[in-house]
Amino acid sequence: MATIRDSKRRPTHPGAILREDVLPALNMTQTELAQRLGVSRLTVSEVLHEKRSVSADMALRLGKLLGNGPGVWLRMQQAVDLWDLERTKARDYAGIERVAA
């Protein structure tokens, strides 16, 4: 069964999920997460504070560490990216006419 989401609300950034749900549940600090992922603390901080997108590399690292695979992290990021673009570049996209197949 598909979940219906309010299209007026921005999807949750994967960094917020990590910050609000995952790290507290694991009782893990940003520093420990960075060490376990093999990335800098700054990189983790920027993801957690939604200043950086979750890249394919980061999704692979998170998926391996948390055991849920990279896809879930990439899909969350993709939802955020598409939502943002649909709003910031709506005029650009409005001018694109569909071609007949």
PDB file of N, CA and C in Angstrom:
ATOM      1  N   MET A   1       0.841  -1.179   0.000  1.00  0.00           N
ATOM      2  CA  MET A   1       0.000   0.000   0.000  1.00  0.00           C
ATOM      3  C   MET A   1       0.884   1.239   0.000  1.00  0.00           C
ATOM      4  N   ALA A   2       0.639   2.149  -0.916  1.00  0.00           N
ATOM      5  CA  ALA A   2       1.437   3.366  -1.031  1.00  0.00           C
ATOM      6  C   ALA A   2       1.027   4.371   0.038  1.00  0.00           C
ATOM      7  N   THR A   3       2.004   5.096   0.521  1.00  0.00           N
ATOM      8  CA  THR A   3       1.741   6.148   1.487  1.00  0.00           C
ATOM      9  C   THR A   3       1.449   7.438   0.742  1.00  0.00           C
ATOM     10  N   ILE A   4       0.381   8.113   1.140  1.00  0.00           N
ATOM     11  CA  ILE A   4       0.045   9.394   0.521  1.00  0.00           C
ATOM     12  C   ILE A   4       0.682  10.487   1.360  1.00  0.00           C
ATOM     13  N   ARG A   5       1.434  11.340   0.691  1.00  0.00           N
ATOM     14  CA  ARG A   5       2.155  12.407   1.373  1.00  0.00           C
ATOM     15  C   ARG A   5       1.596  13.747   0.929  1.00  0.00           C
ATOM     16  N   ASP A   6       1.552  14.700   1.833  1.00  0.00           N
ATOM     17  CA  ASP A   6       1.104  16.046   1.514  1.00  0.00           C
ATOM     18  C   ASP A   6       2.103  16.682   0.557  1.00  0.00           C
ATOM     19  N   SER A   7       1.662  16.926  -0.684  1.00  0.00           N
ATOM     20  CA  SER A   7       2.573  17.459  -1.704  1.00  0.00           C
ATOM     21  C   SER A   7       2.975  18.905  -1.435  1.00  0.00           C
ATOM     22  N   LYS A   8       2.322  19.568  -0.512  1.00  0.00           N
ATOM     23  CA  LYS A   8       2.677  20.949  -0.169  1.00  0.00           C
ATOM     24  C   LYS A   8       3.792  21.001   0.873  1.00  0.00           C
ATOM     25  N   ARG A   9       4.053  19.866   1.498  1.00  0.00           N
ATOM     26  CA  ARG A   9       5.085  19.795   2.522  1.00  0.00           C
ATOM     27  C   ARG A   9       6.354  19.194   1.938  1.00  0.00           C
ATOM     28  N   ARG A  10       7.466  19.851   2.184  1.00  0.00           N
ATOM     29  CA  ARG A  10       8.754  19.353   1.698  1.00  0.00           C
ATOM     30  C   ARG A  10       9.058  18.000   2.327  1.00  0.00           C
ATOM     31  N   PRO A  11       9.509  17.045   1.524  1.00  0.00           N
ATOM     32  CA  PRO A  11       9.890  15.750   2.104  1.00  0.00           C
ATOM     33  C   PRO A  11      10.992  15.932   3.151  1.00  0.00           C
ATOM     34  N   THR A  12      11.044  15.029   4.063  1.00  0.00           N
ATOM     35  CA  THR A  12      12.053  15.098   5.115  1.00  0.00           C
ATOM     36  C   THR A  12      13.428  14.780   4.543  1.00  0.00           C
ATOM     37  N   HIS A  13      14.368  15.652   4.826  1.00  0.00           N
ATOM     38  CA  HIS A  13      15.751  15.454   4.389  1.00  0.00           C
ATOM     39  C   HIS A  13      16.329  14.256   5.148  1.00  0.00           C
ATOM     40  N   PRO A  14      17.104  13.406   4.466  1.00  0.00           N
ATOM     41  CA  PRO A  14      17.679  12.254   5.170  1.00  0.00           C
ATOM     42  C   PRO A  14      18.554  12.645   6.357  1.00  0.00           C
ATOM     43  N   GLY A  15      19.158  13.819   6.299  1.00  0.00           N
ATOM     44  CA  GLY A  15      19.956  14.287   7.435  1.00  0.00           C
ATOM     45  C   GLY A  15      19.115  14.484   8.681  1.00  0.00           C
ATOM     46  N   ALA A  16      17.872  14.930   8.495  1.00  0.00           N
ATOM     47  CA  ALA A  16      16.974  15.103   9.638  1.00  0.00           C
ATOM     48  C   ALA A  16      16.625  13.757  10.263  1.00  0.00           C
ATOM     49  N   ILE A  17      16.438  12.740   9.425  1.00  0.00           N
ATOM     50  CA  ILE A  17      16.165  11.391   9.934  1.00  0.00           C
ATOM     51  C   ILE A  17      17.352  10.903  10.759  1.00  0.00           C
ATOM     52  N   LEU A  18      18.541  11.114  10.229  1.00  0.00           N
ATOM     53  CA  LEU A  18      19.743  10.710  10.962  1.00  0.00           C
ATOM     54  C   LEU A  18      19.855  11.470  12.285  1.00  0.00           C
ATOM     55  N   ARG A  19      19.656  12.769  12.226  1.00  0.00           N
ATOM     56  CA  ARG A  19      19.819  13.644  13.400  1.00  0.00           C
ATOM     57  C   ARG A  19      18.761  13.375  14.470  1.00  0.00           C
ATOM     58  N   GLU A  20      17.506  13.249  14.046  1.00  0.00           N
ATOM     59  CA  GLU A  20      16.403  13.165  15.001  1.00  0.00           C
ATOM     60  C   GLU A  20      16.065  11.740  15.446  1.00  0.00           C
ATOM     61  N   ASP A  21      16.309  10.771  14.567  1.00  0.00           N
ATOM     62  CA  ASP A  21      15.877   9.408  14.874  1.00  0.00           C
ATOM     63  C   ASP A  21      17.032   8.421  15.043  1.00  0.00           C
ATOM     64  N   VAL A  22      17.911   8.372  14.045  1.00  0.00           N
ATOM     65  CA  VAL A  22      18.931   7.319  14.017  1.00  0.00           C
ATOM     66  C   VAL A  22      19.992   7.512  15.101  1.00  0.00           C
ATOM     67  N   LEU A  23      20.612   8.673  15.136  1.00  0.00           N
ATOM     68  CA  LEU A  23      21.684   8.872  16.122  1.00  0.00           C
ATOM     69  C   LEU A  23      21.195   8.730  17.565  1.00  0.00           C
ATOM     70  N   PRO A  24      20.050   9.343  17.930  1.00  0.00           N
ATOM     71  CA  PRO A  24      19.577   9.130  19.312  1.00  0.00           C
ATOM     72  C   PRO A  24      19.270   7.662  19.617  1.00  0.00           C
ATOM     73  N   ALA A  25      18.671   6.956  18.655  1.00  0.00           N
ATOM     74  CA  ALA A  25      18.344   5.540  18.888  1.00  0.00           C
ATOM     75  C   ALA A  25      19.600   4.705  19.094  1.00  0.00           C
ATOM     76  N   LEU A  26      20.675   5.069  18.419  1.00  0.00           N
ATOM     77  CA  LEU A  26      21.944   4.346  18.543  1.00  0.00           C
ATOM     78  C   LEU A  26      22.827   4.905  19.645  1.00  0.00           C
ATOM     79  N   ASN A  27      22.385   6.015  20.257  1.00  0.00           N
ATOM     80  CA  ASN A  27      23.181   6.705  21.271  1.00  0.00           C
ATOM     81  C   ASN A  27      24.583   7.001  20.724  1.00  0.00           C
ATOM     82  N   MET A  28      24.595   7.557  19.490  1.00  0.00           N
ATOM     83  CA  MET A  28      25.844   7.797  18.775  1.00  0.00           C
ATOM     84  C   MET A  28      26.022   9.299  18.539  1.00  0.00           C
ATOM     85  N   THR A  29      27.250   9.770  18.658  1.00  0.00           N
ATOM     86  CA  THR A  29      27.560  11.168  18.396  1.00  0.00           C
ATOM     87  C   THR A  29      27.889  11.363  16.908  1.00  0.00           C
ATOM     88  N   GLN A  30      27.892  12.622  16.490  1.00  0.00           N
ATOM     89  CA  GLN A  30      28.302  12.950  15.127  1.00  0.00           C
ATOM     90  C   GLN A  30      29.727  12.483  14.868  1.00  0.00           C
ATOM     91  N   THR A  31      30.579  12.675  15.838  1.00  0.00           N
ATOM     92  CA  THR A  31      31.981  12.281  15.698  1.00  0.00           C
ATOM     93  C   THR A  31      32.107  10.776  15.502  1.00  0.00           C
ATOM     94  N   GLU A  32      31.369  10.018  16.291  1.00  0.00           N
ATOM     95  CA  GLU A  32      31.429   8.558  16.154  1.00  0.00           C
ATOM     96  C   GLU A  32      30.863   8.123  14.804  1.00  0.00           C
ATOM     97  N   LEU A  33      29.774   8.752  14.380  1.00  0.00           N
ATOM     98  CA  LEU A  33      29.201   8.423  13.072  1.00  0.00           C
ATOM     99  C   LEU A  33      30.216   8.689  11.969  1.00  0.00           C
ATOM    100  N   ALA A  34      30.873   9.834  12.041  1.00  0.00           N
ATOM    101  CA  ALA A  34      31.882  10.177  11.032  1.00  0.00           C
ATOM    102  C   ALA A  34      33.003   9.134  11.010  1.00  0.00           C
ATOM    103  N   GLN A  35      33.473   8.750  12.181  1.00  0.00           N
ATOM    104  CA  GLN A  35      34.544   7.751  12.261  1.00  0.00           C
ATOM    105  C   GLN A  35      34.101   6.422  11.671  1.00  0.00           C
ATOM    106  N   ARG A  36      32.909   5.987  12.011  1.00  0.00           N
ATOM    107  CA  ARG A  36      32.411   4.701  11.517  1.00  0.00           C
ATOM    108  C   ARG A  36      32.184   4.721  10.005  1.00  0.00           C
ATOM    109  N   LEU A  37      31.799   5.897   9.479  1.00  0.00           N
ATOM    110  CA  LEU A  37      31.568   6.025   8.037  1.00  0.00           C
ATOM    111  C   LEU A  37      32.858   6.257   7.257  1.00  0.00           C
ATOM    112  N   GLY A  38      33.914   6.674   7.953  1.00  0.00           N
ATOM    113  CA  GLY A  38      35.179   6.965   7.287  1.00  0.00           C
ATOM    114  C   GLY A  38      35.159   8.292   6.553  1.00  0.00           C
ATOM    115  N   VAL A  39      34.412   9.261   7.110  1.00  0.00           N
ATOM    116  CA  VAL A  39      34.342  10.604   6.528  1.00  0.00           C
ATOM    117  C   VAL A  39      34.635  11.630   7.615  1.00  0.00           C
ATOM    118  N   SER A  40      34.766  12.875   7.216  1.00  0.00           N
ATOM    119  CA  SER A  40      35.063  13.921   8.199  1.00  0.00           C
ATOM    120  C   SER A  40      33.822  14.267   9.023  1.00  0.00           C
ATOM    121  N   ARG A  41      34.071  14.793  10.195  1.00  0.00           N
ATOM    122  CA  ARG A  41      32.977  15.241  11.048  1.00  0.00           C
ATOM    123  C   ARG A  41      32.221  16.372  10.360  1.00  0.00           C
ATOM    124  N   LEU A  42      32.930  17.227   9.628  1.00  0.00           N
ATOM    125  CA  LEU A  42      32.287  18.322   8.908  1.00  0.00           C
ATOM    126  C   LEU A  42      31.291  17.781   7.883  1.00  0.00           C
ATOM    127  N   THR A  43      31.669  16.748   7.167  1.00  0.00           N
ATOM    128  CA  THR A  43      30.766  16.139   6.186  1.00  0.00           C
ATOM    129  C   THR A  43      29.498  15.654   6.870  1.00  0.00           C
ATOM    130  N   VAL A  44      29.646  14.939   7.975  1.00  0.00           N
ATOM    131  CA  VAL A  44      28.488  14.439   8.716  1.00  0.00           C
ATOM    132  C   VAL A  44      27.646  15.597   9.224  1.00  0.00           C
ATOM    133  N   SER A  45      28.294  16.597   9.781  1.00  0.00           N
ATOM    134  CA  SER A  45      27.569  17.753  10.309  1.00  0.00           C
ATOM    135  C   SER A  45      26.746  18.442   9.218  1.00  0.00           C
ATOM    136  N   GLU A  46      27.334  18.599   8.051  1.00  0.00           N
ATOM    137  CA  GLU A  46      26.624  19.259   6.953  1.00  0.00           C
ATOM    138  C   GLU A  46      25.427  18.438   6.483  1.00  0.00           C
ATOM    139  N   VAL A  47      25.542  17.127   6.479  1.00  0.00           N
ATOM    140  CA  VAL A  47      24.401  16.271   6.119  1.00  0.00           C
ATOM    141  C   VAL A  47      23.329  16.380   7.203  1.00  0.00           C
ATOM    142  N   LEU A  48      23.727  16.257   8.457  1.00  0.00           N
ATOM    143  CA  LEU A  48      22.763  16.286   9.556  1.00  0.00           C
ATOM    144  C   LEU A  48      22.018  17.609   9.639  1.00  0.00           C
ATOM    145  N   HIS A  49      22.679  18.691   9.270  1.00  0.00           N
ATOM    146  CA  HIS A  49      22.054  20.011   9.327  1.00  0.00           C
ATOM    147  C   HIS A  49      21.483  20.449   7.975  1.00  0.00           C
ATOM    148  N   GLU A  50      21.376  19.481   7.071  1.00  0.00           N
ATOM    149  CA  GLU A  50      20.718  19.657   5.782  1.00  0.00           C
ATOM    150  C   GLU A  50      21.378  20.709   4.890  1.00  0.00           C
ATOM    151  N   LYS A  51      22.671  20.871   5.066  1.00  0.00           N
ATOM    152  CA  LYS A  51      23.448  21.781   4.229  1.00  0.00           C
ATOM    153  C   LYS A  51      24.127  21.038   3.091  1.00  0.00           C
ATOM    154  N   ARG A  52      24.069  19.713   3.128  1.00  0.00           N
ATOM    155  CA  ARG A  52      24.696  18.870   2.115  1.00  0.00           C
ATOM    156  C   ARG A  52      23.735  17.731   1.793  1.00  0.00           C
ATOM    157  N   SER A  53      23.659  17.407   0.530  1.00  0.00           N
ATOM    158  CA  SER A  53      22.840  16.277   0.097  1.00  0.00           C
ATOM    159  C   SER A  53      23.538  14.965   0.416  1.00  0.00           C
ATOM    160  N   VAL A  54      22.746  13.915   0.518  1.00  0.00           N
ATOM    161  CA  VAL A  54      23.307  12.574   0.668  1.00  0.00           C
ATOM    162  C   VAL A  54      23.690  12.104  -0.727  1.00  0.00           C
ATOM    163  N   SER A  55      24.974  11.952  -0.954  1.00  0.00           N
ATOM    164  CA  SER A  55      25.498  11.501  -2.244  1.00  0.00           C
ATOM    165  C   SER A  55      25.376   9.975  -2.336  1.00  0.00           C
ATOM    166  N   ALA A  56      25.635   9.450  -3.519  1.00  0.00           N
ATOM    167  CA  ALA A  56      25.644   7.993  -3.697  1.00  0.00           C
ATOM    168  C   ALA A  56      26.685   7.362  -2.773  1.00  0.00           C
ATOM    169  N   ASP A  57      27.846   7.998  -2.653  1.00  0.00           N
ATOM    170  CA  ASP A  57      28.901   7.495  -1.774  1.00  0.00           C
ATOM    171  C   ASP A  57      28.420   7.450  -0.325  1.00  0.00           C
ATOM    172  N   MET A  58      27.805   8.535   0.127  1.00  0.00           N
ATOM    173  CA  MET A  58      27.323   8.587   1.507  1.00  0.00           C
ATOM    174  C   MET A  58      26.199   7.573   1.711  1.00  0.00           C
ATOM    175  N   ALA A  59      25.333   7.413   0.719  1.00  0.00           N
ATOM    176  CA  ALA A  59      24.240   6.445   0.825  1.00  0.00           C
ATOM    177  C   ALA A  59      24.791   5.021   0.972  1.00  0.00           C
ATOM    178  N   LEU A  60      25.832   4.714   0.212  1.00  0.00           N
ATOM    179  CA  LEU A  60      26.462   3.392   0.345  1.00  0.00           C
ATOM    180  C   LEU A  60      27.035   3.198   1.745  1.00  0.00           C
ATOM    181  N   ARG A  61      27.690   4.228   2.250  1.00  0.00           N
ATOM    182  CA  ARG A  61      28.287   4.145   3.591  1.00  0.00           C
ATOM    183  C   ARG A  61      27.204   3.965   4.661  1.00  0.00           C
ATOM    184  N   LEU A  62      26.144   4.798   4.572  1.00  0.00           N
ATOM    185  CA  LEU A  62      25.057   4.709   5.548  1.00  0.00           C
ATOM    186  C   LEU A  62      24.344   3.363   5.461  1.00  0.00           C
ATOM    187  N   GLY A  63      24.077   2.929   4.242  1.00  0.00           N
ATOM    188  CA  GLY A  63      23.395   1.662   4.051  1.00  0.00           C
ATOM    189  C   GLY A  63      24.170   0.488   4.615  1.00  0.00           C
ATOM    190  N   LYS A  64      25.479   0.530   4.440  1.00  0.00           N
ATOM    191  CA  LYS A  64      26.333  -0.550   4.971  1.00  0.00           C
ATOM    192  C   LYS A  64      26.360  -0.490   6.502  1.00  0.00           C
ATOM    193  N   LEU A  65      26.547   0.699   7.044  1.00  0.00           N
ATOM    194  CA  LEU A  65      26.628   0.862   8.495  1.00  0.00           C
ATOM    195  C   LEU A  65      25.313   0.479   9.178  1.00  0.00           C
ATOM    196  N   LEU A  66      24.200   0.921   8.613  1.00  0.00           N
ATOM    197  CA  LEU A  66      22.907   0.731   9.264  1.00  0.00           C
ATOM    198  C   LEU A  66      22.172  -0.526   8.810  1.00  0.00           C
ATOM    199  N   GLY A  67      22.700  -1.177   7.773  1.00  0.00           N
ATOM    200  CA  GLY A  67      22.119  -2.431   7.328  1.00  0.00           C
ATOM    201  C   GLY A  67      20.849  -2.314   6.514  1.00  0.00           C
ATOM    202  N   ASN A  68      20.535  -1.109   6.029  1.00  0.00           N
ATOM    203  CA  ASN A  68      19.299  -0.941   5.257  1.00  0.00           C
ATOM    204  C   ASN A  68      19.563  -0.638   3.781  1.00  0.00           C
ATOM    205  N   GLY A  69      20.805  -0.706   3.363  1.00  0.00           N
ATOM    206  CA  GLY A  69      21.152  -0.490   1.958  1.00  0.00           C
ATOM    207  C   GLY A  69      21.130   0.968   1.561  1.00  0.00           C
ATOM    208  N   PRO A  70      21.746   1.288   0.433  1.00  0.00           N
ATOM    209  CA  PRO A  70      21.854   2.680  -0.008  1.00  0.00           C
ATOM    210  C   PRO A  70      20.565   3.249  -0.591  1.00  0.00           C
ATOM    211  N   GLY A  71      19.703   2.379  -1.106  1.00  0.00           N
ATOM    212  CA  GLY A  71      18.516   2.846  -1.812  1.00  0.00           C
ATOM    213  C   GLY A  71      17.607   3.734  -0.994  1.00  0.00           C
ATOM    214  N   VAL A  72      17.399   3.383   0.252  1.00  0.00           N
ATOM    215  CA  VAL A  72      16.499   4.164   1.096  1.00  0.00           C
ATOM    216  C   VAL A  72      17.011   5.599   1.253  1.00  0.00           C
ATOM    217  N   TRP A  73      18.322   5.754   1.403  1.00  0.00           N
ATOM    218  CA  TRP A  73      18.914   7.088   1.584  1.00  0.00           C
ATOM    219  C   TRP A  73      18.877   7.886   0.283  1.00  0.00           C
ATOM    220  N   LEU A  74      19.115   7.208  -0.829  1.00  0.00           N
ATOM    221  CA  LEU A  74      19.053   7.886  -2.126  1.00  0.00           C
ATOM    222  C   LEU A  74      17.628   8.304  -2.469  1.00  0.00           C
ATOM    223  N   ARG A  75      16.657   7.455  -2.176  1.00  0.00           N
ATOM    224  CA  ARG A  75      15.256   7.806  -2.461  1.00  0.00           C
ATOM    225  C   ARG A  75      14.800   8.998  -1.624  1.00  0.00           C
ATOM    226  N   MET A  76      15.203   9.033  -0.364  1.00  0.00           N
ATOM    227  CA  MET A  76      14.848  10.180   0.477  1.00  0.00           C
ATOM    228  C   MET A  76      15.449  11.463  -0.085  1.00  0.00           C
ATOM    229  N   GLN A  77      16.733  11.407  -0.470  1.00  0.00           N
ATOM    230  CA  GLN A  77      17.398  12.590  -1.015  1.00  0.00           C
ATOM    231  C   GLN A  77      16.766  13.000  -2.340  1.00  0.00           C
ATOM    232  N   GLN A  78      16.451  12.027  -3.173  1.00  0.00           N
ATOM    233  CA  GLN A  78      15.840  12.311  -4.471  1.00  0.00           C
ATOM    234  C   GLN A  78      14.488  13.009  -4.291  1.00  0.00           C
ATOM    235  N   ALA A  79      13.705  12.583  -3.331  1.00  0.00           N
ATOM    236  CA  ALA A  79      12.409  13.208  -3.079  1.00  0.00           C
ATOM    237  C   ALA A  79      12.583  14.677  -2.700  1.00  0.00           C
ATOM    238  N   VAL A  80      13.567  14.965  -1.855  1.00  0.00           N
ATOM    239  CA  VAL A  80      13.852  16.342  -1.454  1.00  0.00           C
ATOM    240  C   VAL A  80      14.316  17.160  -2.659  1.00  0.00           C
ATOM    241  N   ASP A  81      15.247  16.606  -3.434  1.00  0.00           N
ATOM    242  CA  ASP A  81      15.799  17.323  -4.590  1.00  0.00           C
ATOM    243  C   ASP A  81      14.716  17.652  -5.608  1.00  0.00           C
ATOM    244  N   LEU A  82      13.856  16.680  -5.918  1.00  0.00           N
ATOM    245  CA  LEU A  82      12.791  16.919  -6.890  1.00  0.00           C
ATOM    246  C   LEU A  82      11.803  17.958  -6.385  1.00  0.00           C
ATOM    247  N   TRP A  83      11.421  17.869  -5.125  1.00  0.00           N
ATOM    248  CA  TRP A  83      10.486  18.831  -4.536  1.00  0.00           C
ATOM    249  C   TRP A  83      11.067  20.243  -4.625  1.00  0.00           C
ATOM    250  N   ASP A  84      12.345  20.390  -4.265  1.00  0.00           N
ATOM    251  CA  ASP A  84      12.988  21.706  -4.315  1.00  0.00           C
ATOM    252  C   ASP A  84      13.022  22.249  -5.742  1.00  0.00           C
ATOM    253  N   LEU A  85      13.420  21.426  -6.696  1.00  0.00           N
ATOM    254  CA  LEU A  85      13.514  21.867  -8.089  1.00  0.00           C
ATOM    255  C   LEU A  85      12.157  22.234  -8.676  1.00  0.00           C
ATOM    256  N   GLU A  86      11.143  21.448  -8.359  1.00  0.00           N
ATOM    257  CA  GLU A  86       9.810  21.737  -8.874  1.00  0.00           C
ATOM    258  C   GLU A  86       9.313  23.099  -8.412  1.00  0.00           C
ATOM    259  N   ARG A  87       9.806  23.573  -7.294  1.00  0.00           N
ATOM    260  CA  ARG A  87       9.391  24.876  -6.797  1.00  0.00           C
ATOM    261  C   ARG A  87      10.314  26.006  -7.243  1.00  0.00           C
ATOM    262  N   THR A  88      11.603  25.756  -7.280  1.00  0.00           N
ATOM    263  CA  THR A  88      12.538  26.833  -7.625  1.00  0.00           C
ATOM    264  C   THR A  88      12.655  27.059  -9.125  1.00  0.00           C
ATOM    265  N   LYS A  89      12.359  26.042  -9.919  1.00  0.00           N
ATOM    266  CA  LYS A  89      12.505  26.174 -11.369  1.00  0.00           C
ATOM    267  C   LYS A  89      11.205  25.899 -12.110  1.00  0.00           C
ATOM    268  N   ALA A  90      10.088  26.133 -11.444  1.00  0.00           N
ATOM    269  CA  ALA A  90       8.777  25.848 -12.036  1.00  0.00           C
ATOM    270  C   ALA A  90       8.597  26.549 -13.372  1.00  0.00           C
ATOM    271  N   ARG A  91       9.030  27.782 -13.479  1.00  0.00           N
ATOM    272  CA  ARG A  91       8.884  28.525 -14.743  1.00  0.00           C
ATOM    273  C   ARG A  91       9.684  27.886 -15.872  1.00  0.00           C
ATOM    274  N   ASP A  92      10.887  27.432 -15.566  1.00  0.00           N
ATOM    275  CA  ASP A  92      11.708  26.767 -16.582  1.00  0.00           C
ATOM    276  C   ASP A  92      11.022  25.509 -17.098  1.00  0.00           C
ATOM    277  N   TYR A  93      10.452  24.740 -16.186  1.00  0.00           N
ATOM    278  CA  TYR A  93       9.825  23.482 -16.573  1.00  0.00           C
ATOM    279  C   TYR A  93       8.483  23.702 -17.269  1.00  0.00           C
ATOM    280  N   ALA A  94       7.804  24.792 -16.924  1.00  0.00           N
ATOM    281  CA  ALA A  94       6.502  25.077 -17.537  1.00  0.00           C
ATOM    282  C   ALA A  94       6.621  25.285 -19.049  1.00  0.00           C
ATOM    283  N   GLY A  95       7.766  25.749 -19.493  1.00  0.00           N
ATOM    284  CA  GLY A  95       7.973  26.014 -20.919  1.00  0.00           C
ATOM    285  C   GLY A  95       8.325  24.789 -21.737  1.00  0.00           C
ATOM    286  N   ILE A  96       8.441  23.638 -21.117  1.00  0.00           N
ATOM    287  CA  ILE A  96       8.791  22.422 -21.828  1.00  0.00           C
ATOM    288  C   ILE A  96       7.515  21.736 -22.281  1.00  0.00           C
ATOM    289  N   GLU A  97       7.408  21.565 -23.602  1.00  0.00           N
ATOM    290  CA  GLU A  97       6.229  20.915 -24.144  1.00  0.00           C
ATOM    291  C   GLU A  97       6.502  19.432 -24.352  1.00  0.00           C
ATOM    292  N   ARG A  98       5.510  18.635 -24.031  1.00  0.00           N
ATOM    293  CA  ARG A  98       5.641  17.183 -24.195  1.00  0.00           C
ATOM    294  C   ARG A  98       5.611  16.832 -25.683  1.00  0.00           C
ATOM    295  N   VAL A  99       6.416  15.878 -26.052  1.00  0.00           N
ATOM    296  CA  VAL A  99       6.420  15.403 -27.439  1.00  0.00           C
ATOM    297  C   VAL A  99       5.594  14.118 -27.510  1.00  0.00           C
ATOM    298  N   ALA A 100       5.003  13.906 -28.662  1.00  0.00           N
ATOM    299  CA  ALA A 100       4.229  12.685 -28.856  1.00  0.00           C
ATOM    300  C   ALA A 100       5.188  11.522 -29.062  1.00  0.00           C
ATOM    301  N   ALA A 101       4.861  10.411 -28.491  1.00  0.00           N
ATOM    302  CA  ALA A 101       5.743   9.235 -28.607  1.00  0.00           C
ATOM    303  C   ALA A 101       5.519   8.517 -29.921  1.00  0.00           C
TER     304      ALA A 101
END
